[in-house]
Amino acid sequence: RGAFGKFIIHGHTPMSDVDVQPNRIGIDTGAAYGGKLTA
């Protein structure tokens, strides 16, 4: 949860919805598993 030096936008780890954290946002929402594709 600490700072990385930049705010990170990433994929790789599928979630049911966008994963918004204080230092990063994950936008792999499981298109490979019948979920959503997100931008």
PDB file of all heavy atoms in Angstrom:
ATOM      1  N   ARG A   1       0.816  -1.217   0.000  1.00  0.00           N
ATOM      2  CA  ARG A   1       0.000   0.000   0.000  1.00  0.00           C
ATOM      3  C   ARG A   1       0.851   1.269   0.000  1.00  0.00           C
ATOM      4  O   ARG A   1       0.315   2.372   0.008  1.00  0.00           O
ATOM      5  CB  ARG A   1      -0.939   0.002   1.212  1.00  0.00           C
ATOM      6  CG  ARG A   1      -2.013  -1.092   1.137  1.00  0.00           C
ATOM      7  CD  ARG A   1      -2.936  -0.883  -0.049  1.00  0.00           C
ATOM      8  NE  ARG A   1      -3.917  -1.956  -0.177  1.00  0.00           N
ATOM      9  CZ  ARG A   1      -3.791  -2.970  -1.023  1.00  0.00           C
ATOM     10  NH1 ARG A   1      -2.735  -3.045  -1.825  1.00  0.00           N
ATOM     11  NH2 ARG A   1      -4.716  -3.899  -1.074  1.00  0.00           N
ATOM     12  N   GLY A   2       2.172   1.123  -0.014  1.00  0.00           N
ATOM     13  CA  GLY A   2       3.028   2.298  -0.078  1.00  0.00           C
ATOM     14  C   GLY A   2       3.177   2.809  -1.494  1.00  0.00           C
ATOM     15  O   GLY A   2       2.707   2.206  -2.461  1.00  0.00           O
ATOM     16  N   ALA A   3       3.847   3.939  -1.610  1.00  0.00           N
ATOM     17  CA  ALA A   3       4.049   4.545  -2.929  1.00  0.00           C
ATOM     18  C   ALA A   3       5.060   3.750  -3.742  1.00  0.00           C
ATOM     19  O   ALA A   3       5.986   3.143  -3.189  1.00  0.00           O
ATOM     20  CB  ALA A   3       4.526   5.980  -2.753  1.00  0.00           C
ATOM     21  N   PHE A   4       4.874   3.738  -5.040  1.00  0.00           N
ATOM     22  CA  PHE A   4       5.796   3.072  -5.965  1.00  0.00           C
ATOM     23  C   PHE A   4       6.682   4.061  -6.718  1.00  0.00           C
ATOM     24  O   PHE A   4       7.574   3.643  -7.447  1.00  0.00           O
ATOM     25  CB  PHE A   4       5.018   2.244  -6.984  1.00  0.00           C
ATOM     26  CG  PHE A   4       4.283   1.061  -6.416  1.00  0.00           C
ATOM     27  CD1 PHE A   4       2.898   0.997  -6.492  1.00  0.00           C
ATOM     28  CD2 PHE A   4       4.963   0.020  -5.821  1.00  0.00           C
ATOM     29  CE1 PHE A   4       2.207  -0.085  -5.978  1.00  0.00           C
ATOM     30  CE2 PHE A   4       4.283  -1.071  -5.303  1.00  0.00           C
ATOM     31  CZ  PHE A   4       2.903  -1.132  -5.382  1.00  0.00           C
ATOM     32  N   GLY A   5       6.398   5.340  -6.604  1.00  0.00           N
ATOM     33  CA  GLY A   5       7.094   6.354  -7.394  1.00  0.00           C
ATOM     34  C   GLY A   5       6.257   6.851  -8.550  1.00  0.00           C
ATOM     35  O   GLY A   5       6.409   7.985  -9.004  1.00  0.00           O
ATOM     36  N   LYS A   6       5.378   6.015  -9.058  1.00  0.00           N
ATOM     37  CA  LYS A   6       4.343   6.358 -10.031  1.00  0.00           C
ATOM     38  C   LYS A   6       3.087   5.595  -9.621  1.00  0.00           C
ATOM     39  O   LYS A   6       3.147   4.585  -8.912  1.00  0.00           O
ATOM     40  CB  LYS A   6       4.730   5.938 -11.458  1.00  0.00           C
ATOM     41  CG  LYS A   6       5.903   6.682 -12.067  1.00  0.00           C
ATOM     42  CD  LYS A   6       5.475   7.946 -12.780  1.00  0.00           C
ATOM     43  CE  LYS A   6       6.618   8.585 -13.554  1.00  0.00           C
ATOM     44  NZ  LYS A   6       6.194   9.819 -14.260  1.00  0.00           N
ATOM     45  N   PHE A   7       1.935   6.075 -10.080  1.00  0.00           N
ATOM     46  CA  PHE A   7       0.691   5.337  -9.873  1.00  0.00           C
ATOM     47  C   PHE A   7       0.635   4.245 -10.946  1.00  0.00           C
ATOM     48  O   PHE A   7       0.750   4.533 -12.140  1.00  0.00           O
ATOM     49  CB  PHE A   7      -0.507   6.271  -9.970  1.00  0.00           C
ATOM     50  CG  PHE A   7      -1.781   5.673  -9.449  1.00  0.00           C
ATOM     51  CD1 PHE A   7      -2.214   5.980  -8.176  1.00  0.00           C
ATOM     52  CD2 PHE A   7      -2.531   4.812 -10.225  1.00  0.00           C
ATOM     53  CE1 PHE A   7      -3.402   5.433  -7.686  1.00  0.00           C
ATOM     54  CE2 PHE A   7      -3.703   4.257  -9.754  1.00  0.00           C
ATOM     55  CZ  PHE A   7      -4.140   4.564  -8.468  1.00  0.00           C
ATOM     56  N   ILE A   8       0.457   2.991 -10.529  1.00  0.00           N
ATOM     57  CA  ILE A   8       0.579   1.848 -11.440  1.00  0.00           C
ATOM     58  C   ILE A   8      -0.784   1.454 -11.998  1.00  0.00           C
ATOM     59  O   ILE A   8      -1.755   1.291 -11.251  1.00  0.00           O
ATOM     60  CB  ILE A   8       1.213   0.638 -10.723  1.00  0.00           C
ATOM     61  CG1 ILE A   8       2.525   1.025 -10.041  1.00  0.00           C
ATOM     62  CG2 ILE A   8       1.428  -0.502 -11.721  1.00  0.00           C
ATOM     63  CD1 ILE A   8       3.601   1.524 -10.972  1.00  0.00           C
ATOM     64  N   ILE A   9      -0.844   1.295 -13.302  1.00  0.00           N
ATOM     65  CA  ILE A   9      -1.996   0.685 -13.974  1.00  0.00           C
ATOM     66  C   ILE A   9      -1.524  -0.638 -14.558  1.00  0.00           C
ATOM     67  O   ILE A   9      -0.514  -0.688 -15.267  1.00  0.00           O
ATOM     68  CB  ILE A   9      -2.559   1.598 -15.071  1.00  0.00           C
ATOM     69  CG1 ILE A   9      -3.101   2.887 -14.449  1.00  0.00           C
ATOM     70  CG2 ILE A   9      -3.661   0.885 -15.856  1.00  0.00           C
ATOM     71  CD1 ILE A   9      -3.635   3.873 -15.461  1.00  0.00           C
ATOM     72  N   HIS A  10      -2.244  -1.715 -14.262  1.00  0.00           N
ATOM     73  CA  HIS A  10      -1.769  -3.049 -14.644  1.00  0.00           C
ATOM     74  C   HIS A  10      -2.935  -3.981 -14.940  1.00  0.00           C
ATOM     75  O   HIS A  10      -4.101  -3.683 -14.640  1.00  0.00           O
ATOM     76  CB  HIS A  10      -0.914  -3.641 -13.510  1.00  0.00           C
ATOM     77  CG  HIS A  10      -1.708  -3.935 -12.255  1.00  0.00           C
ATOM     78  ND1 HIS A  10      -2.215  -5.176 -11.976  1.00  0.00           N
ATOM     79  CD2 HIS A  10      -2.084  -3.131 -11.218  1.00  0.00           C
ATOM     80  CE1 HIS A  10      -2.868  -5.145 -10.814  1.00  0.00           C
ATOM     81  NE2 HIS A  10      -2.809  -3.907 -10.341  1.00  0.00           N
ATOM     82  N   GLY A  11      -2.595  -5.119 -15.526  1.00  0.00           N
ATOM     83  CA  GLY A  11      -3.531  -6.215 -15.736  1.00  0.00           C
ATOM     84  C   GLY A  11      -3.030  -7.438 -14.987  1.00  0.00           C
ATOM     85  O   GLY A  11      -2.679  -7.392 -13.829  1.00  0.00           O
ATOM     86  N   HIS A  12      -3.036  -8.605 -15.680  1.00  0.00           N
ATOM     87  CA  HIS A  12      -2.387  -9.851 -15.239  1.00  0.00           C
ATOM     88  C   HIS A  12      -3.168 -10.631 -14.198  1.00  0.00           C
ATOM     89  O   HIS A  12      -3.287 -11.853 -14.313  1.00  0.00           O
ATOM     90  CB  HIS A  12      -0.979  -9.556 -14.720  1.00  0.00           C
ATOM     91  CG  HIS A  12      -0.196 -10.776 -14.334  1.00  0.00           C
ATOM     92  ND1 HIS A  12       0.081 -11.779 -15.234  1.00  0.00           N
ATOM     93  CD2 HIS A  12       0.382 -11.138 -13.166  1.00  0.00           C
ATOM     94  CE1 HIS A  12       0.808 -12.719 -14.639  1.00  0.00           C
ATOM     95  NE2 HIS A  12       0.995 -12.357 -13.380  1.00  0.00           N
ATOM     96  N   THR A  13      -3.677  -9.980 -13.161  1.00  0.00           N
ATOM     97  CA  THR A  13      -4.400 -10.680 -12.103  1.00  0.00           C
ATOM     98  C   THR A  13      -5.892 -10.449 -12.278  1.00  0.00           C
ATOM     99  O   THR A  13      -6.393  -9.350 -12.020  1.00  0.00           O
ATOM    100  CB  THR A  13      -3.953 -10.180 -10.716  1.00  0.00           C
ATOM    101  OG1 THR A  13      -2.547 -10.413 -10.559  1.00  0.00           O
ATOM    102  CG2 THR A  13      -4.712 -10.909  -9.612  1.00  0.00           C
ATOM    103  N   PRO A  14      -6.632 -11.475 -12.750  1.00  0.00           N
ATOM    104  CA  PRO A  14      -8.053 -11.263 -13.046  1.00  0.00           C
ATOM    105  C   PRO A  14      -8.880 -11.070 -11.780  1.00  0.00           C
ATOM    106  O   PRO A  14      -8.702 -11.753 -10.773  1.00  0.00           O
ATOM    107  CB  PRO A  14      -8.457 -12.543 -13.795  1.00  0.00           C
ATOM    108  CG  PRO A  14      -7.467 -13.568 -13.359  1.00  0.00           C
ATOM    109  CD  PRO A  14      -6.190 -12.848 -13.079  1.00  0.00           C
ATOM    110  N   MET A  15      -9.786 -10.117 -11.861  1.00  0.00           N
ATOM    111  CA  MET A  15     -10.732  -9.821 -10.779  1.00  0.00           C
ATOM    112  C   MET A  15     -12.117  -9.678 -11.398  1.00  0.00           C
ATOM    113  O   MET A  15     -12.255  -9.457 -12.601  1.00  0.00           O
ATOM    114  CB  MET A  15     -10.345  -8.531 -10.059  1.00  0.00           C
ATOM    115  CG  MET A  15      -8.924  -8.473  -9.541  1.00  0.00           C
ATOM    116  SD  MET A  15      -8.642  -9.522  -8.096  1.00  0.00           S
ATOM    117  CE  MET A  15      -9.449  -8.560  -6.826  1.00  0.00           C
ATOM    118  N   SER A  16     -13.146  -9.769 -10.549  1.00  0.00           N
ATOM    119  CA  SER A  16     -14.508  -9.635 -11.066  1.00  0.00           C
ATOM    120  C   SER A  16     -14.827  -8.196 -11.446  1.00  0.00           C
ATOM    121  O   SER A  16     -15.740  -7.941 -12.236  1.00  0.00           O
ATOM    122  CB  SER A  16     -15.518 -10.140 -10.038  1.00  0.00           C
ATOM    123  OG  SER A  16     -15.415  -9.409  -8.831  1.00  0.00           O
ATOM    124  N   ASP A  17     -14.074  -7.249 -10.878  1.00  0.00           N
ATOM    125  CA  ASP A  17     -14.262  -5.843 -11.211  1.00  0.00           C
ATOM    126  C   ASP A  17     -12.916  -5.144 -11.079  1.00  0.00           C
ATOM    127  O   ASP A  17     -11.944  -5.741 -10.605  1.00  0.00           O
ATOM    128  CB  ASP A  17     -15.286  -5.198 -10.284  1.00  0.00           C
ATOM    129  CG  ASP A  17     -15.975  -3.986 -10.915  1.00  0.00           C
ATOM    130  OD1 ASP A  17     -15.494  -3.514 -11.970  1.00  0.00           O
ATOM    131  OD2 ASP A  17     -16.979  -3.519 -10.359  1.00  0.00           O
ATOM    132  N   VAL A  18     -12.850  -3.898 -11.508  1.00  0.00           N
ATOM    133  CA  VAL A  18     -11.587  -3.171 -11.411  1.00  0.00           C
ATOM    134  C   VAL A  18     -11.127  -3.132  -9.957  1.00  0.00           C
ATOM    135  O   VAL A  18     -11.941  -3.029  -9.032  1.00  0.00           O
ATOM    136  CB  VAL A  18     -11.709  -1.746 -11.990  1.00  0.00           C
ATOM    137  CG1 VAL A  18     -11.902  -1.803 -13.488  1.00  0.00           C
ATOM    138  CG2 VAL A  18     -12.836  -0.969 -11.327  1.00  0.00           C
ATOM    139  N   ASP A  19      -9.824  -3.235  -9.771  1.00  0.00           N
ATOM    140  CA  ASP A  19      -9.225  -3.289  -8.438  1.00  0.00           C
ATOM    141  C   ASP A  19      -8.551  -1.944  -8.173  1.00  0.00           C
ATOM    142  O   ASP A  19      -7.409  -1.716  -8.581  1.00  0.00           O
ATOM    143  CB  ASP A  19      -8.215  -4.437  -8.387  1.00  0.00           C
ATOM    144  CG  ASP A  19      -7.586  -4.609  -7.016  1.00  0.00           C
ATOM    145  OD1 ASP A  19      -8.100  -4.030  -6.042  1.00  0.00           O
ATOM    146  OD2 ASP A  19      -6.567  -5.327  -6.920  1.00  0.00           O
ATOM    147  N   VAL A  20      -9.270  -1.038  -7.493  1.00  0.00           N
ATOM    148  CA  VAL A  20      -8.788   0.321  -7.256  1.00  0.00           C
ATOM    149  C   VAL A  20      -8.149   0.391  -5.878  1.00  0.00           C
ATOM    150  O   VAL A  20      -8.820   0.145  -4.862  1.00  0.00           O
ATOM    151  CB  VAL A  20      -9.937   1.347  -7.364  1.00  0.00           C
ATOM    152  CG1 VAL A  20      -9.413   2.752  -7.118  1.00  0.00           C
ATOM    153  CG2 VAL A  20     -10.597   1.258  -8.732  1.00  0.00           C
ATOM    154  N   GLN A  21      -6.868   0.732  -5.832  1.00  0.00           N
ATOM    155  CA  GLN A  21      -6.123   0.863  -4.595  1.00  0.00           C
ATOM    156  C   GLN A  21      -5.468   2.249  -4.556  1.00  0.00           C
ATOM    157  O   GLN A  21      -5.425   2.942  -5.574  1.00  0.00           O
ATOM    158  CB  GLN A  21      -5.068  -0.238  -4.491  1.00  0.00           C
ATOM    159  CG  GLN A  21      -5.628  -1.655  -4.522  1.00  0.00           C
ATOM    160  CD  GLN A  21      -6.540  -1.969  -3.340  1.00  0.00           C
ATOM    161  OE1 GLN A  21      -6.422  -1.352  -2.280  1.00  0.00           O
ATOM    162  NE2 GLN A  21      -7.446  -2.916  -3.524  1.00  0.00           N
ATOM    163  N   PRO A  22      -4.945   2.657  -3.392  1.00  0.00           N
ATOM    164  CA  PRO A  22      -4.365   4.008  -3.305  1.00  0.00           C
ATOM    165  C   PRO A  22      -3.140   4.222  -4.185  1.00  0.00           C
ATOM    166  O   PRO A  22      -2.795   5.371  -4.480  1.00  0.00           O
ATOM    167  CB  PRO A  22      -3.979   4.128  -1.817  1.00  0.00           C
ATOM    168  CG  PRO A  22      -4.775   3.089  -1.112  1.00  0.00           C
ATOM    169  CD  PRO A  22      -4.971   1.980  -2.090  1.00  0.00           C
ATOM    170  N   ASN A  23      -2.495   3.139  -4.615  1.00  0.00           N
ATOM    171  CA  ASN A  23      -1.247   3.258  -5.372  1.00  0.00           C
ATOM    172  C   ASN A  23      -1.282   2.550  -6.721  1.00  0.00           C
ATOM    173  O   ASN A  23      -0.290   2.573  -7.456  1.00  0.00           O
ATOM    174  CB  ASN A  23      -0.086   2.709  -4.546  1.00  0.00           C
ATOM    175  CG  ASN A  23      -0.349   1.295  -4.042  1.00  0.00           C
ATOM    176  OD1 ASN A  23      -1.392   0.707  -4.332  1.00  0.00           O
ATOM    177  ND2 ASN A  23       0.596   0.757  -3.279  1.00  0.00           N
ATOM    178  N   ARG A  24      -2.405   1.905  -7.050  1.00  0.00           N
ATOM    179  CA  ARG A  24      -2.473   1.136  -8.292  1.00  0.00           C
ATOM    180  C   ARG A  24      -3.923   0.869  -8.654  1.00  0.00           C
ATOM    181  O   ARG A  24      -4.817   0.963  -7.799  1.00  0.00           O
ATOM    182  CB  ARG A  24      -1.738  -0.204  -8.148  1.00  0.00           C
ATOM    183  CG  ARG A  24      -2.394  -1.135  -7.134  1.00  0.00           C
ATOM    184  CD  ARG A  24      -1.785  -2.526  -7.131  1.00  0.00           C
ATOM    185  NE  ARG A  24      -2.486  -3.393  -6.184  1.00  0.00           N
ATOM    186  CZ  ARG A  24      -3.581  -4.078  -6.449  1.00  0.00           C
ATOM    187  NH1 ARG A  24      -4.143  -4.018  -7.656  1.00  0.00           N
ATOM    188  NH2 ARG A  24      -4.151  -4.832  -5.535  1.00  0.00           N
ATOM    189  N   ILE A  25      -4.144   0.522  -9.925  1.00  0.00           N
ATOM    190  CA  ILE A  25      -5.455   0.050 -10.379  1.00  0.00           C
ATOM    191  C   ILE A  25      -5.227  -1.141 -11.300  1.00  0.00           C
ATOM    192  O   ILE A  25      -4.473  -1.048 -12.278  1.00  0.00           O
ATOM    193  CB  ILE A  25      -6.238   1.144 -11.134  1.00  0.00           C
ATOM    194  CG1 ILE A  25      -6.598   2.294 -10.188  1.00  0.00           C
ATOM    195  CG2 ILE A  25      -7.508   0.566 -11.755  1.00  0.00           C
ATOM    196  CD1 ILE A  25      -7.320   3.440 -10.859  1.00  0.00           C
ATOM    197  N   GLY A  26      -5.866  -2.258 -10.986  1.00  0.00           N
ATOM    198  CA  GLY A  26      -5.832  -3.429 -11.846  1.00  0.00           C
ATOM    199  C   GLY A  26      -7.074  -3.486 -12.709  1.00  0.00           C
ATOM    200  O   GLY A  26      -8.192  -3.352 -12.204  1.00  0.00           O
ATOM    201  N   ILE A  27      -6.881  -3.687 -14.019  1.00  0.00           N
ATOM    202  CA  ILE A  27      -8.040  -3.665 -14.929  1.00  0.00           C
ATOM    203  C   ILE A  27      -8.178  -4.962 -15.727  1.00  0.00           C
ATOM    204  O   ILE A  27      -8.828  -4.980 -16.776  1.00  0.00           O
ATOM    205  CB  ILE A  27      -8.010  -2.447 -15.876  1.00  0.00           C
ATOM    206  CG1 ILE A  27      -6.748  -2.425 -16.742  1.00  0.00           C
ATOM    207  CG2 ILE A  27      -8.148  -1.152 -15.095  1.00  0.00           C
ATOM    208  CD1 ILE A  27      -6.833  -1.400 -17.873  1.00  0.00           C
ATOM    209  N   ASP A  28      -7.607  -6.069 -15.220  1.00  0.00           N
ATOM    210  CA  ASP A  28      -7.920  -7.374 -15.807  1.00  0.00           C
ATOM    211  C   ASP A  28      -9.197  -7.855 -15.140  1.00  0.00           C
ATOM    212  O   ASP A  28      -9.188  -8.292 -13.985  1.00  0.00           O
ATOM    213  CB  ASP A  28      -6.775  -8.364 -15.566  1.00  0.00           C
ATOM    214  CG  ASP A  28      -7.059  -9.749 -16.171  1.00  0.00           C
ATOM    215  OD1 ASP A  28      -8.194  -9.970 -16.657  1.00  0.00           O
ATOM    216  OD2 ASP A  28      -6.160 -10.605 -16.144  1.00  0.00           O
ATOM    217  N   THR A  29     -10.304  -7.763 -15.859  1.00  0.00           N
ATOM    218  CA  THR A  29     -11.596  -8.148 -15.298  1.00  0.00           C
ATOM    219  C   THR A  29     -12.114  -9.454 -15.895  1.00  0.00           C
ATOM    220  O   THR A  29     -13.308  -9.676 -16.012  1.00  0.00           O
ATOM    221  CB  THR A  29     -12.624  -7.011 -15.478  1.00  0.00           C
ATOM    222  OG1 THR A  29     -12.585  -6.528 -16.824  1.00  0.00           O
ATOM    223  CG2 THR A  29     -12.324  -5.855 -14.538  1.00  0.00           C
ATOM    224  N   GLY A  30     -11.177 -10.347 -16.246  1.00  0.00           N
ATOM    225  CA  GLY A  30     -11.530 -11.731 -16.534  1.00  0.00           C
ATOM    226  C   GLY A  30     -12.126 -12.009 -17.887  1.00  0.00           C
ATOM    227  O   GLY A  30     -12.932 -12.939 -18.023  1.00  0.00           O
ATOM    228  N   ALA A  31     -11.740 -11.259 -18.918  1.00  0.00           N
ATOM    229  CA  ALA A  31     -12.259 -11.544 -20.261  1.00  0.00           C
ATOM    230  C   ALA A  31     -11.971 -12.984 -20.669  1.00  0.00           C
ATOM    231  O   ALA A  31     -12.767 -13.603 -21.383  1.00  0.00           O
ATOM    232  CB  ALA A  31     -11.642 -10.573 -21.270  1.00  0.00           C
ATOM    233  N   ALA A  32     -10.856 -13.537 -20.203  1.00  0.00           N
ATOM    234  CA  ALA A  32     -10.486 -14.904 -20.568  1.00  0.00           C
ATOM    235  C   ALA A  32     -11.402 -15.939 -19.936  1.00  0.00           C
ATOM    236  O   ALA A  32     -11.439 -17.091 -20.383  1.00  0.00           O
ATOM    237  CB  ALA A  32      -9.042 -15.180 -20.141  1.00  0.00           C
ATOM    238  N   TYR A  33     -12.142 -15.555 -18.904  1.00  0.00           N
ATOM    239  CA  TYR A  33     -12.955 -16.508 -18.144  1.00  0.00           C
ATOM    240  C   TYR A  33     -14.438 -16.178 -18.211  1.00  0.00           C
ATOM    241  O   TYR A  33     -15.194 -16.477 -17.285  1.00  0.00           O
ATOM    242  CB  TYR A  33     -12.489 -16.518 -16.686  1.00  0.00           C
ATOM    243  CG  TYR A  33     -11.021 -16.828 -16.536  1.00  0.00           C
ATOM    244  CD1 TYR A  33     -10.096 -15.814 -16.312  1.00  0.00           C
ATOM    245  CD2 TYR A  33     -10.554 -18.135 -16.650  1.00  0.00           C
ATOM    246  CE1 TYR A  33      -8.744 -16.092 -16.188  1.00  0.00           C
ATOM    247  CE2 TYR A  33      -9.201 -18.421 -16.533  1.00  0.00           C
ATOM    248  CZ  TYR A  33      -8.300 -17.396 -16.299  1.00  0.00           C
ATOM    249  OH  TYR A  33      -6.962 -17.681 -16.191  1.00  0.00           O
ATOM    250  N   GLY A  34     -14.849 -15.531 -19.289  1.00  0.00           N
ATOM    251  CA  GLY A  34     -16.251 -15.174 -19.420  1.00  0.00           C
ATOM    252  C   GLY A  34     -16.632 -13.899 -18.715  1.00  0.00           C
ATOM    253  O   GLY A  34     -17.818 -13.586 -18.573  1.00  0.00           O
ATOM    254  N   GLY A  35     -15.635 -13.148 -18.249  1.00  0.00           N
ATOM    255  CA  GLY A  35     -15.899 -11.881 -17.577  1.00  0.00           C
ATOM    256  C   GLY A  35     -15.890 -10.720 -18.550  1.00  0.00           C
ATOM    257  O   GLY A  35     -16.167 -10.868 -19.742  1.00  0.00           O
ATOM    258  N   LYS A  36     -15.533  -9.547 -18.036  1.00  0.00           N
ATOM    259  CA  LYS A  36     -15.566  -8.323 -18.825  1.00  0.00           C
ATOM    260  C   LYS A  36     -14.186  -7.992 -19.364  1.00  0.00           C
ATOM    261  O   LYS A  36     -13.171  -8.429 -18.837  1.00  0.00           O
ATOM    262  CB  LYS A  36     -16.043  -7.161 -17.950  1.00  0.00           C
ATOM    263  CG  LYS A  36     -17.428  -7.342 -17.359  1.00  0.00           C
ATOM    264  CD  LYS A  36     -17.778  -6.181 -16.448  1.00  0.00           C
ATOM    265  CE  LYS A  36     -16.969  -6.197 -15.161  1.00  0.00           C
ATOM    266  NZ  LYS A  36     -17.418  -5.158 -14.195  1.00  0.00           N
ATOM    267  N   LEU A  37     -14.164  -7.203 -20.421  1.00  0.00           N
ATOM    268  CA  LEU A  37     -12.947  -6.549 -20.889  1.00  0.00           C
ATOM    269  C   LEU A  37     -13.090  -5.076 -20.545  1.00  0.00           C
ATOM    270  O   LEU A  37     -14.103  -4.449 -20.856  1.00  0.00           O
ATOM    271  CB  LEU A  37     -12.766  -6.735 -22.397  1.00  0.00           C
ATOM    272  CG  LEU A  37     -11.506  -6.096 -23.001  1.00  0.00           C
ATOM    273  CD1 LEU A  37     -10.242  -6.706 -22.416  1.00  0.00           C
ATOM    274  CD2 LEU A  37     -11.512  -6.253 -24.527  1.00  0.00           C
ATOM    275  N   THR A  38     -12.071  -4.519 -19.896  1.00  0.00           N
ATOM    276  CA  THR A  38     -12.188  -3.186 -19.315  1.00  0.00           C
ATOM    277  C   THR A  38     -11.092  -2.259 -19.819  1.00  0.00           C
ATOM    278  O   THR A  38      -9.950  -2.675 -20.035  1.00  0.00           O
ATOM    279  CB  THR A  38     -12.125  -3.271 -17.776  1.00  0.00           C
ATOM    280  OG1 THR A  38     -13.281  -3.977 -17.310  1.00  0.00           O
ATOM    281  CG2 THR A  38     -12.083  -1.901 -17.126  1.00  0.00           C
ATOM    282  N   ALA A  39     -11.463  -0.993 -19.983  1.00  0.00           N
ATOM    283  CA  ALA A  39     -10.510   0.083 -20.259  1.00  0.00           C
ATOM    284  C   ALA A  39     -10.641   1.130 -19.168  1.00  0.00           C
ATOM    285  O   ALA A  39     -11.738   1.367 -18.649  1.00  0.00           O
ATOM    286  CB  ALA A  39     -10.778   0.718 -21.618  1.00  0.00           C
TER     287      ALA A  39
END
